[in-house]
């Protein structure tokens, strides 16, 4: 069985980017734009909790938006692996 979505190979540098952005002088909107651009280029996945942090809302709000937003397909753009739900970076930018 092949995996439909690859996990970002560059997770360590993404984590370093998040840490450096926390210490930066950018506004929250600028930080979010930088992170979303990075995620889109890396074609990776984030958890519901990470998406909530990036968007500044609760995890339940993210989950509700996933079902209501046009252009996001269940099983393709968000899915469950183990105990956690994951969202593709491309779907995150639609929320």
PDB file of N, CA and C in Angstrom:
ATOM      1  N   UNK A   1       0.840  -1.177   0.000  1.00  0.00           N
ATOM      2  CA  UNK A   1       0.000   0.000   0.000  1.00  0.00           C
ATOM      3  C   UNK A   1       0.889   1.245   0.000  1.00  0.00           C
ATOM      4  N   UNK A   2       0.674   2.117  -0.934  1.00  0.00           N
ATOM      5  CA  UNK A   2       1.501   3.322  -1.025  1.00  0.00           C
ATOM      6  C   UNK A   2       0.855   4.464  -0.260  1.00  0.00           C
ATOM      7  N   UNK A   3       1.692   5.335   0.253  1.00  0.00           N
ATOM      8  CA  UNK A   3       1.172   6.511   0.951  1.00  0.00           C
ATOM      9  C   UNK A   3       0.754   7.540  -0.074  1.00  0.00           C
ATOM     10  N   UNK A   4      -0.371   8.173   0.161  1.00  0.00           N
ATOM     11  CA  UNK A   4      -0.886   9.164  -0.790  1.00  0.00           C
ATOM     12  C   UNK A   4      -0.217  10.519  -0.611  1.00  0.00           C
ATOM     13  N   UNK A   5       0.216  10.801   0.601  1.00  0.00           N
ATOM     14  CA  UNK A   5       0.801  12.107   0.883  1.00  0.00           C
ATOM     15  C   UNK A   5       2.125  11.894   1.608  1.00  0.00           C
ATOM     16  N   UNK A   6       3.144  12.576   1.166  1.00  0.00           N
ATOM     17  CA  UNK A   6       4.448  12.447   1.802  1.00  0.00           C
ATOM     18  C   UNK A   6       4.583  13.417   2.966  1.00  0.00           C
ATOM     19  N   UNK A   7       5.286  12.965   3.987  1.00  0.00           N
ATOM     20  CA  UNK A   7       5.600  13.850   5.102  1.00  0.00           C
ATOM     21  C   UNK A   7       6.777  14.714   4.675  1.00  0.00           C
ATOM     22  N   UNK A   8       6.752  15.943   5.096  1.00  0.00           N
ATOM     23  CA  UNK A   8       7.805  16.896   4.763  1.00  0.00           C
ATOM     24  C   UNK A   8       9.161  16.335   5.174  1.00  0.00           C
ATOM     25  N   UNK A   9      10.106  16.283   4.261  1.00  0.00           N
ATOM     26  CA  UNK A   9      11.437  15.772   4.552  1.00  0.00           C
ATOM     27  C   UNK A   9      12.264  16.790   5.316  1.00  0.00           C
ATOM     28  N   UNK A  10      11.812  18.004   5.351  1.00  0.00           N
ATOM     29  CA  UNK A  10      12.592  19.085   5.923  1.00  0.00           C
ATOM     30  C   UNK A  10      11.979  19.574   7.233  1.00  0.00           C
ATOM     31  N   UNK A  11      11.517  18.631   8.073  1.00  0.00           N
ATOM     32  CA  UNK A  11      10.830  19.002   9.311  1.00  0.00           C
ATOM     33  C   UNK A  11      11.733  19.767  10.270  1.00  0.00           C
ATOM     34  N   UNK A  12      13.001  19.403  10.316  1.00  0.00           N
ATOM     35  CA  UNK A  12      13.913  20.068  11.242  1.00  0.00           C
ATOM     36  C   UNK A  12      14.073  21.539  10.885  1.00  0.00           C
ATOM     37  N   UNK A  13      14.260  21.839   9.609  1.00  0.00           N
ATOM     38  CA  UNK A  13      14.421  23.242   9.234  1.00  0.00           C
ATOM     39  C   UNK A  13      13.109  24.006   9.388  1.00  0.00           C
ATOM     40  N   UNK A  14      11.972  23.334   9.214  1.00  0.00           N
ATOM     41  CA  UNK A  14      10.679  23.983   9.448  1.00  0.00           C
ATOM     42  C   UNK A  14      10.537  24.345  10.921  1.00  0.00           C
ATOM     43  N   UNK A  15      10.948  23.447  11.809  1.00  0.00           N
ATOM     44  CA  UNK A  15      10.926  23.737  13.240  1.00  0.00           C
ATOM     45  C   UNK A  15      11.831  24.900  13.599  1.00  0.00           C
ATOM     46  N   UNK A  16      13.009  24.932  12.987  1.00  0.00           N
ATOM     47  CA  UNK A  16      13.935  26.036  13.232  1.00  0.00           C
ATOM     48  C   UNK A  16      13.346  27.348  12.732  1.00  0.00           C
ATOM     49  N   UNK A  17      12.652  27.300  11.614  1.00  0.00           N
ATOM     50  CA  UNK A  17      12.002  28.497  11.085  1.00  0.00           C
ATOM     51  C   UNK A  17      10.948  29.012  12.065  1.00  0.00           C
ATOM     52  N   UNK A  18      10.153  28.099  12.622  1.00  0.00           N
ATOM     53  CA  UNK A  18       9.119  28.497  13.583  1.00  0.00           C
ATOM     54  C   UNK A  18       9.734  29.152  14.817  1.00  0.00           C
ATOM     55  N   UNK A  19      10.832  28.583  15.310  1.00  0.00           N
ATOM     56  CA  UNK A  19      11.502  29.147  16.485  1.00  0.00           C
ATOM     57  C   UNK A  19      12.050  30.529  16.175  1.00  0.00           C
ATOM     58  N   UNK A  20      12.683  30.677  15.025  1.00  0.00           N
ATOM     59  CA  UNK A  20      13.254  31.979  14.679  1.00  0.00           C
ATOM     60  C   UNK A  20      12.168  33.031  14.468  1.00  0.00           C
ATOM     61  N   UNK A  21      11.020  32.623  13.945  1.00  0.00           N
ATOM     62  CA  UNK A  21       9.931  33.569  13.736  1.00  0.00           C
ATOM     63  C   UNK A  21       9.319  34.034  15.054  1.00  0.00           C
ATOM     64  N   UNK A  22       9.352  33.171  16.074  1.00  0.00           N
ATOM     65  CA  UNK A  22       8.835  33.572  17.384  1.00  0.00           C
ATOM     66  C   UNK A  22       9.661  34.706  17.968  1.00  0.00           C
ATOM     67  N   UNK A  23      10.952  34.720  17.650  1.00  0.00           N
ATOM     68  CA  UNK A  23      11.860  35.724  18.193  1.00  0.00           C
ATOM     69  C   UNK A  23      11.986  36.940  17.283  1.00  0.00           C
ATOM     70  N   UNK A  24      11.284  36.946  16.174  1.00  0.00           N
ATOM     71  CA  UNK A  24      11.453  38.001  15.180  1.00  0.00           C
ATOM     72  C   UNK A  24      10.567  39.208  15.464  1.00  0.00           C
ATOM     73  N   UNK A  25      10.770  40.241  14.661  1.00  0.00           N
ATOM     74  CA  UNK A  25       9.995  41.477  14.805  1.00  0.00           C
ATOM     75  C   UNK A  25       8.846  41.542  13.799  1.00  0.00           C
ATOM     76  N   UNK A  26       8.612  40.464  13.061  1.00  0.00           N
ATOM     77  CA  UNK A  26       7.517  40.436  12.097  1.00  0.00           C
ATOM     78  C   UNK A  26       6.177  40.458  12.821  1.00  0.00           C
ATOM     79  N   UNK A  27       5.166  40.986  12.157  1.00  0.00           N
ATOM     80  CA  UNK A  27       3.812  40.923  12.708  1.00  0.00           C
ATOM     81  C   UNK A  27       3.309  39.483  12.598  1.00  0.00           C
ATOM     82  N   UNK A  28       2.233  39.193  13.294  1.00  0.00           N
ATOM     83  CA  UNK A  28       1.671  37.842  13.261  1.00  0.00           C
ATOM     84  C   UNK A  28       1.274  37.464  11.839  1.00  0.00           C
ATOM     85  N   UNK A  29       0.691  38.407  11.093  1.00  0.00           N
ATOM     86  CA  UNK A  29       0.277  38.120   9.714  1.00  0.00           C
ATOM     87  C   UNK A  29       1.483  37.805   8.833  1.00  0.00           C
ATOM     88  N   UNK A  30       2.568  38.536   9.025  1.00  0.00           N
ATOM     89  CA  UNK A  30       3.774  38.278   8.235  1.00  0.00           C
ATOM     90  C   UNK A  30       4.365  36.915   8.574  1.00  0.00           C
ATOM     91  N   UNK A  31       4.354  36.571   9.853  1.00  0.00           N
ATOM     92  CA  UNK A  31       4.864  35.258  10.270  1.00  0.00           C
ATOM     93  C   UNK A  31       4.041  34.145   9.634  1.00  0.00           C
ATOM     94  N   UNK A  32       2.717  34.301   9.690  1.00  0.00           N
ATOM     95  CA  UNK A  32       1.828  33.297   9.127  1.00  0.00           C
ATOM     96  C   UNK A  32       2.067  33.132   7.631  1.00  0.00           C
ATOM     97  N   UNK A  33       2.247  34.236   6.926  1.00  0.00           N
ATOM     98  CA  UNK A  33       2.497  34.178   5.486  1.00  0.00           C
ATOM     99  C   UNK A  33       3.802  33.445   5.185  1.00  0.00           C
ATOM    100  N   UNK A  34       4.832  33.725   5.962  1.00  0.00           N
ATOM    101  CA  UNK A  34       6.121  33.051   5.772  1.00  0.00           C
ATOM    102  C   UNK A  34       5.976  31.557   5.994  1.00  0.00           C
ATOM    103  N   UNK A  35       5.291  31.183   7.069  1.00  0.00           N
ATOM    104  CA  UNK A  35       5.119  29.766   7.384  1.00  0.00           C
ATOM    105  C   UNK A  35       4.298  29.073   6.307  1.00  0.00           C
ATOM    106  N   UNK A  36       3.197  29.696   5.875  1.00  0.00           N
ATOM    107  CA  UNK A  36       2.361  29.082   4.836  1.00  0.00           C
ATOM    108  C   UNK A  36       3.133  28.927   3.534  1.00  0.00           C
ATOM    109  N   UNK A  37       3.934  29.913   3.167  1.00  0.00           N
ATOM    110  CA  UNK A  37       4.751  29.798   1.956  1.00  0.00           C
ATOM    111  C   UNK A  37       5.723  28.642   2.081  1.00  0.00           C
ATOM    112  N   UNK A  38       6.309  28.505   3.236  1.00  0.00           N
ATOM    113  CA  UNK A  38       7.260  27.426   3.486  1.00  0.00           C
ATOM    114  C   UNK A  38       6.557  26.075   3.379  1.00  0.00           C
ATOM    115  N   UNK A  39       5.390  25.958   3.988  1.00  0.00           N
ATOM    116  CA  UNK A  39       4.658  24.696   3.950  1.00  0.00           C
ATOM    117  C   UNK A  39       4.230  24.341   2.533  1.00  0.00           C
ATOM    118  N   UNK A  40       3.762  25.324   1.772  1.00  0.00           N
ATOM    119  CA  UNK A  40       3.329  25.060   0.402  1.00  0.00           C
ATOM    120  C   UNK A  40       4.481  24.551  -0.447  1.00  0.00           C
ATOM    121  N   UNK A  41       5.661  25.091  -0.251  1.00  0.00           N
ATOM    122  CA  UNK A  41       6.818  24.655  -1.030  1.00  0.00           C
ATOM    123  C   UNK A  41       7.269  23.266  -0.622  1.00  0.00           C
ATOM    124  N   UNK A  42       7.125  22.941   0.654  1.00  0.00           N
ATOM    125  CA  UNK A  42       7.599  21.657   1.153  1.00  0.00           C
ATOM    126  C   UNK A  42       6.598  20.528   0.909  1.00  0.00           C
ATOM    127  N   UNK A  43       5.371  20.852   0.577  1.00  0.00           N
ATOM    128  CA  UNK A  43       4.296  19.881   0.378  1.00  0.00           C
ATOM    129  C   UNK A  43       4.281  18.871   1.525  1.00  0.00           C
ATOM    130  N   UNK A  44       4.053  19.372   2.710  1.00  0.00           N
ATOM    131  CA  UNK A  44       4.029  18.478   3.860  1.00  0.00           C
ATOM    132  C   UNK A  44       2.708  18.607   4.601  1.00  0.00           C
ATOM    133  N   UNK A  45       2.645  17.973   5.738  1.00  0.00           N
ATOM    134  CA  UNK A  45       1.423  17.890   6.516  1.00  0.00           C
ATOM    135  C   UNK A  45       1.636  18.537   7.875  1.00  0.00           C
ATOM    136  N   UNK A  46       0.569  19.064   8.435  1.00  0.00           N
ATOM    137  CA  UNK A  46       0.601  19.559   9.808  1.00  0.00           C
ATOM    138  C   UNK A  46      -0.575  18.946  10.551  1.00  0.00           C
ATOM    139  N   UNK A  47      -0.461  18.858  11.870  1.00  0.00           N
ATOM    140  CA  UNK A  47      -1.566  18.334  12.668  1.00  0.00           C
ATOM    141  C   UNK A  47      -2.610  19.429  12.857  1.00  0.00           C
ATOM    142  N   UNK A  48      -3.782  19.023  13.327  1.00  0.00           N
ATOM    143  CA  UNK A  48      -4.841  19.996  13.621  1.00  0.00           C
ATOM    144  C   UNK A  48      -4.340  21.014  14.646  1.00  0.00           C
ATOM    145  N   UNK A  49      -3.613  20.540  15.652  1.00  0.00           N
ATOM    146  CA  UNK A  49      -3.099  21.432  16.696  1.00  0.00           C
ATOM    147  C   UNK A  49      -2.129  22.452  16.103  1.00  0.00           C
ATOM    148  N   UNK A  50      -1.222  22.005  15.239  1.00  0.00           N
ATOM    149  CA  UNK A  50      -0.272  22.924  14.604  1.00  0.00           C
ATOM    150  C   UNK A  50      -0.998  23.930  13.720  1.00  0.00           C
ATOM    151  N   UNK A  51      -2.016  23.460  13.002  1.00  0.00           N
ATOM    152  CA  UNK A  51      -2.798  24.361  12.151  1.00  0.00           C
ATOM    153  C   UNK A  51      -3.504  25.415  12.995  1.00  0.00           C
ATOM    154  N   UNK A  52      -4.011  25.001  14.145  1.00  0.00           N
ATOM    155  CA  UNK A  52      -4.684  25.942  15.045  1.00  0.00           C
ATOM    156  C   UNK A  52      -3.713  27.006  15.542  1.00  0.00           C
ATOM    157  N   UNK A  53      -2.493  26.600  15.856  1.00  0.00           N
ATOM    158  CA  UNK A  53      -1.473  27.552  16.298  1.00  0.00           C
ATOM    159  C   UNK A  53      -1.142  28.522  15.172  1.00  0.00           C
ATOM    160  N   UNK A  54      -0.974  27.995  13.973  1.00  0.00           N
ATOM    161  CA  UNK A  54      -0.635  28.851  12.832  1.00  0.00           C
ATOM    162  C   UNK A  54      -1.741  29.855  12.527  1.00  0.00           C
ATOM    163  N   UNK A  55      -2.983  29.412  12.629  1.00  0.00           N
ATOM    164  CA  UNK A  55      -4.115  30.281  12.303  1.00  0.00           C
ATOM    165  C   UNK A  55      -4.605  31.100  13.494  1.00  0.00           C
ATOM    166  N   UNK A  56      -4.172  30.742  14.691  1.00  0.00           N
ATOM    167  CA  UNK A  56      -4.575  31.492  15.877  1.00  0.00           C
ATOM    168  C   UNK A  56      -5.999  31.231  16.324  1.00  0.00           C
ATOM    169  N   UNK A  57      -6.494  30.030  16.063  1.00  0.00           N
ATOM    170  CA  UNK A  57      -7.844  29.648  16.489  1.00  0.00           C
ATOM    171  C   UNK A  57      -7.764  28.310  17.216  1.00  0.00           C
ATOM    172  N   UNK A  58      -8.901  27.823  17.688  1.00  0.00           N
ATOM    173  CA  UNK A  58      -8.912  26.537  18.386  1.00  0.00           C
ATOM    174  C   UNK A  58      -8.876  25.381  17.387  1.00  0.00           C
ATOM    175  N   UNK A  59      -8.505  24.216  17.889  1.00  0.00           N
ATOM    176  CA  UNK A  59      -8.472  23.029  17.048  1.00  0.00           C
ATOM    177  C   UNK A  59      -9.847  22.652  16.526  1.00  0.00           C
ATOM    178  N   UNK A  60     -10.876  22.834  17.358  1.00  0.00           N
ATOM    179  CA  UNK A  60     -12.230  22.504  16.912  1.00  0.00           C
ATOM    180  C   UNK A  60     -12.687  23.448  15.801  1.00  0.00           C
ATOM    181  N   UNK A  61     -12.238  24.707  15.846  1.00  0.00           N
ATOM    182  CA  UNK A  61     -12.583  25.654  14.777  1.00  0.00           C
ATOM    183  C   UNK A  61     -11.942  25.221  13.458  1.00  0.00           C
ATOM    184  N   UNK A  62     -10.706  24.748  13.521  1.00  0.00           N
ATOM    185  CA  UNK A  62     -10.026  24.251  12.315  1.00  0.00           C
ATOM    186  C   UNK A  62     -10.791  23.057  11.760  1.00  0.00           C
ATOM    187  N   UNK A  63     -11.160  22.118  12.631  1.00  0.00           N
ATOM    188  CA  UNK A  63     -11.868  20.919  12.198  1.00  0.00           C
ATOM    189  C   UNK A  63     -13.192  21.278  11.530  1.00  0.00           C
ATOM    190  N   UNK A  64     -13.931  22.223  12.109  1.00  0.00           N
ATOM    191  CA  UNK A  64     -15.205  22.651  11.520  1.00  0.00           C
ATOM    192  C   UNK A  64     -14.987  23.317  10.166  1.00  0.00           C
ATOM    193  N   UNK A  65     -13.951  24.141  10.065  1.00  0.00           N
ATOM    194  CA  UNK A  65     -13.661  24.814   8.797  1.00  0.00           C
ATOM    195  C   UNK A  65     -13.295  23.811   7.704  1.00  0.00           C
ATOM    196  N   UNK A  66     -12.634  22.721   8.092  1.00  0.00           N
ATOM    197  CA  UNK A  66     -12.256  21.707   7.106  1.00  0.00           C
ATOM    198  C   UNK A  66     -13.480  21.136   6.406  1.00  0.00           C
ATOM    199  N   UNK A  67     -14.557  20.933   7.159  1.00  0.00           N
ATOM    200  CA  UNK A  67     -15.769  20.353   6.579  1.00  0.00           C
ATOM    201  C   UNK A  67     -16.587  21.367   5.800  1.00  0.00           C
ATOM    202  N   UNK A  68     -16.443  22.642   6.128  1.00  0.00           N
ATOM    203  CA  UNK A  68     -17.271  23.675   5.498  1.00  0.00           C
ATOM    204  C   UNK A  68     -16.613  24.375   4.319  1.00  0.00           C
ATOM    205  N   UNK A  69     -15.309  24.330   4.215  1.00  0.00           N
ATOM    206  CA  UNK A  69     -14.596  25.074   3.183  1.00  0.00           C
ATOM    207  C   UNK A  69     -14.663  24.344   1.849  1.00  0.00           C
ATOM    208  N   UNK A  70     -15.101  25.038   0.825  1.00  0.00           N
ATOM    209  CA  UNK A  70     -15.146  24.446  -0.512  1.00  0.00           C
ATOM    210  C   UNK A  70     -13.724  24.296  -1.035  1.00  0.00           C
ATOM    211  N   UNK A  71     -13.490  23.225  -1.762  1.00  0.00           N
ATOM    212  CA  UNK A  71     -12.171  22.982  -2.326  1.00  0.00           C
ATOM    213  C   UNK A  71     -11.313  22.056  -1.483  1.00  0.00           C
ATOM    214  N   UNK A  72     -11.786  21.722  -0.288  1.00  0.00           N
ATOM    215  CA  UNK A  72     -11.061  20.792   0.576  1.00  0.00           C
ATOM    216  C   UNK A  72     -11.794  19.458   0.555  1.00  0.00           C
ATOM    217  N   UNK A  73     -11.067  18.402   0.224  1.00  0.00           N
ATOM    218  CA  UNK A  73     -11.667  17.079   0.109  1.00  0.00           C
ATOM    219  C   UNK A  73     -11.222  16.182   1.259  1.00  0.00           C
ATOM    220  N   UNK A  74     -12.188  15.565   1.982  1.00  0.00           N
ATOM    221  CA  UNK A  74     -11.811  14.598   3.014  1.00  0.00           C
ATOM    222  C   UNK A  74     -11.025  13.444   2.388  1.00  0.00           C
ATOM    223  N   UNK A  75     -10.167  12.842   3.153  1.00  0.00           N
ATOM    224  CA  UNK A  75      -9.299  11.741   2.756  1.00  0.00           C
ATOM    225  C   UNK A  75      -8.141  12.187   1.864  1.00  0.00           C
ATOM    226  N   UNK A  76      -8.297  13.278   1.158  1.00  0.00           N
ATOM    227  CA  UNK A  76      -7.203  13.765   0.316  1.00  0.00           C
ATOM    228  C   UNK A  76      -6.459  14.902   1.009  1.00  0.00           C
ATOM    229  N   UNK A  77      -7.197  15.893   1.474  1.00  0.00           N
ATOM    230  CA  UNK A  77      -6.584  17.076   2.067  1.00  0.00           C
ATOM    231  C   UNK A  77      -6.465  16.998   3.586  1.00  0.00           C
ATOM    232  N   UNK A  78      -7.287  16.201   4.227  1.00  0.00           N
ATOM    233  CA  UNK A  78      -7.103  15.947   5.656  1.00  0.00           C
ATOM    234  C   UNK A  78      -7.506  14.514   5.948  1.00  0.00           C
ATOM    235  N   UNK A  79      -6.803  13.906   6.877  1.00  0.00           N
ATOM    236  CA  UNK A  79      -6.969  12.481   7.125  1.00  0.00           C
ATOM    237  C   UNK A  79      -6.449  12.152   8.520  1.00  0.00           C
ATOM    238  N   UNK A  80      -6.780  10.968   8.982  1.00  0.00           N
ATOM    239  CA  UNK A  80      -6.349  10.521  10.303  1.00  0.00           C
ATOM    240  C   UNK A  80      -5.263   9.468  10.137  1.00  0.00           C
ATOM    241  N   UNK A  81      -4.201   9.649  10.897  1.00  0.00           N
ATOM    242  CA  UNK A  81      -3.126   8.659  10.939  1.00  0.00           C
ATOM    243  C   UNK A  81      -2.845   8.384  12.412  1.00  0.00           C
ATOM    244  N   UNK A  82      -3.109   7.172  12.836  1.00  0.00           N
ATOM    245  CA  UNK A  82      -2.965   6.869  14.258  1.00  0.00           C
ATOM    246  C   UNK A  82      -4.044   7.591  15.044  1.00  0.00           C
ATOM    247  N   UNK A  83      -3.619   8.393  16.012  1.00  0.00           N
ATOM    248  CA  UNK A  83      -4.581   9.128  16.838  1.00  0.00           C
ATOM    249  C   UNK A  83      -4.740  10.580  16.412  1.00  0.00           C
ATOM    250  N   UNK A  84      -3.952  11.031  15.456  1.00  0.00           N
ATOM    251  CA  UNK A  84      -3.959  12.449  15.089  1.00  0.00           C
ATOM    252  C   UNK A  84      -4.517  12.672  13.687  1.00  0.00           C
ATOM    253  N   UNK A  85      -5.126  13.833  13.521  1.00  0.00           N
ATOM    254  CA  UNK A  85      -5.581  14.269  12.205  1.00  0.00           C
ATOM    255  C   UNK A  85      -4.519  15.164  11.590  1.00  0.00           C
ATOM    256  N   UNK A  86      -4.290  14.993  10.302  1.00  0.00           N
ATOM    257  CA  UNK A  86      -3.302  15.780   9.577  1.00  0.00           C
ATOM    258  C   UNK A  86      -3.969  16.551   8.448  1.00  0.00           C
ATOM    259  N   UNK A  87      -3.403  17.701   8.138  1.00  0.00           N
ATOM    260  CA  UNK A  87      -3.902  18.550   7.061  1.00  0.00           C
ATOM    261  C   UNK A  87      -2.765  18.797   6.093  1.00  0.00           C
ATOM    262  N   UNK A  88      -3.054  18.693   4.805  1.00  0.00           N
ATOM    263  CA  UNK A  88      -2.051  19.061   3.801  1.00  0.00           C
ATOM    264  C   UNK A  88      -1.845  20.559   3.830  1.00  0.00           C
ATOM    265  N   UNK A  89      -0.639  20.971   3.544  1.00  0.00           N
ATOM    266  CA  UNK A  89      -0.312  22.398   3.556  1.00  0.00           C
ATOM    267  C   UNK A  89      -1.165  23.176   2.561  1.00  0.00           C
ATOM    268  N   UNK A  90      -1.455  22.579   1.423  1.00  0.00           N
ATOM    269  CA  UNK A  90      -2.268  23.273   0.421  1.00  0.00           C
ATOM    270  C   UNK A  90      -3.684  23.530   0.941  1.00  0.00           C
ATOM    271  N   UNK A  91      -4.220  22.605   1.736  1.00  0.00           N
ATOM    272  CA  UNK A  91      -5.550  22.798   2.321  1.00  0.00           C
ATOM    273  C   UNK A  91      -5.506  23.841   3.429  1.00  0.00           C
ATOM    274  N   UNK A  92      -4.401  23.903   4.143  1.00  0.00           N
ATOM    275  CA  UNK A  92      -4.260  24.882   5.221  1.00  0.00           C
ATOM    276  C   UNK A  92      -4.362  26.303   4.687  1.00  0.00           C
ATOM    277  N   UNK A  93      -3.840  26.521   3.507  1.00  0.00           N
ATOM    278  CA  UNK A  93      -3.884  27.875   2.941  1.00  0.00           C
ATOM    279  C   UNK A  93      -5.305  28.280   2.526  1.00  0.00           C
ATOM    280  N   UNK A  94      -6.214  27.311   2.356  1.00  0.00           N
ATOM    281  CA  UNK A  94      -7.603  27.618   2.001  1.00  0.00           C
ATOM    282  C   UNK A  94      -8.452  28.014   3.207  1.00  0.00           C
ATOM    283  N   UNK A  95      -7.997  27.672   4.397  1.00  0.00           N
ATOM    284  CA  UNK A  95      -8.789  27.951   5.611  1.00  0.00           C
ATOM    285  C   UNK A  95      -8.755  29.413   5.978  1.00  0.00           C
TER     286      UNK A  95
END
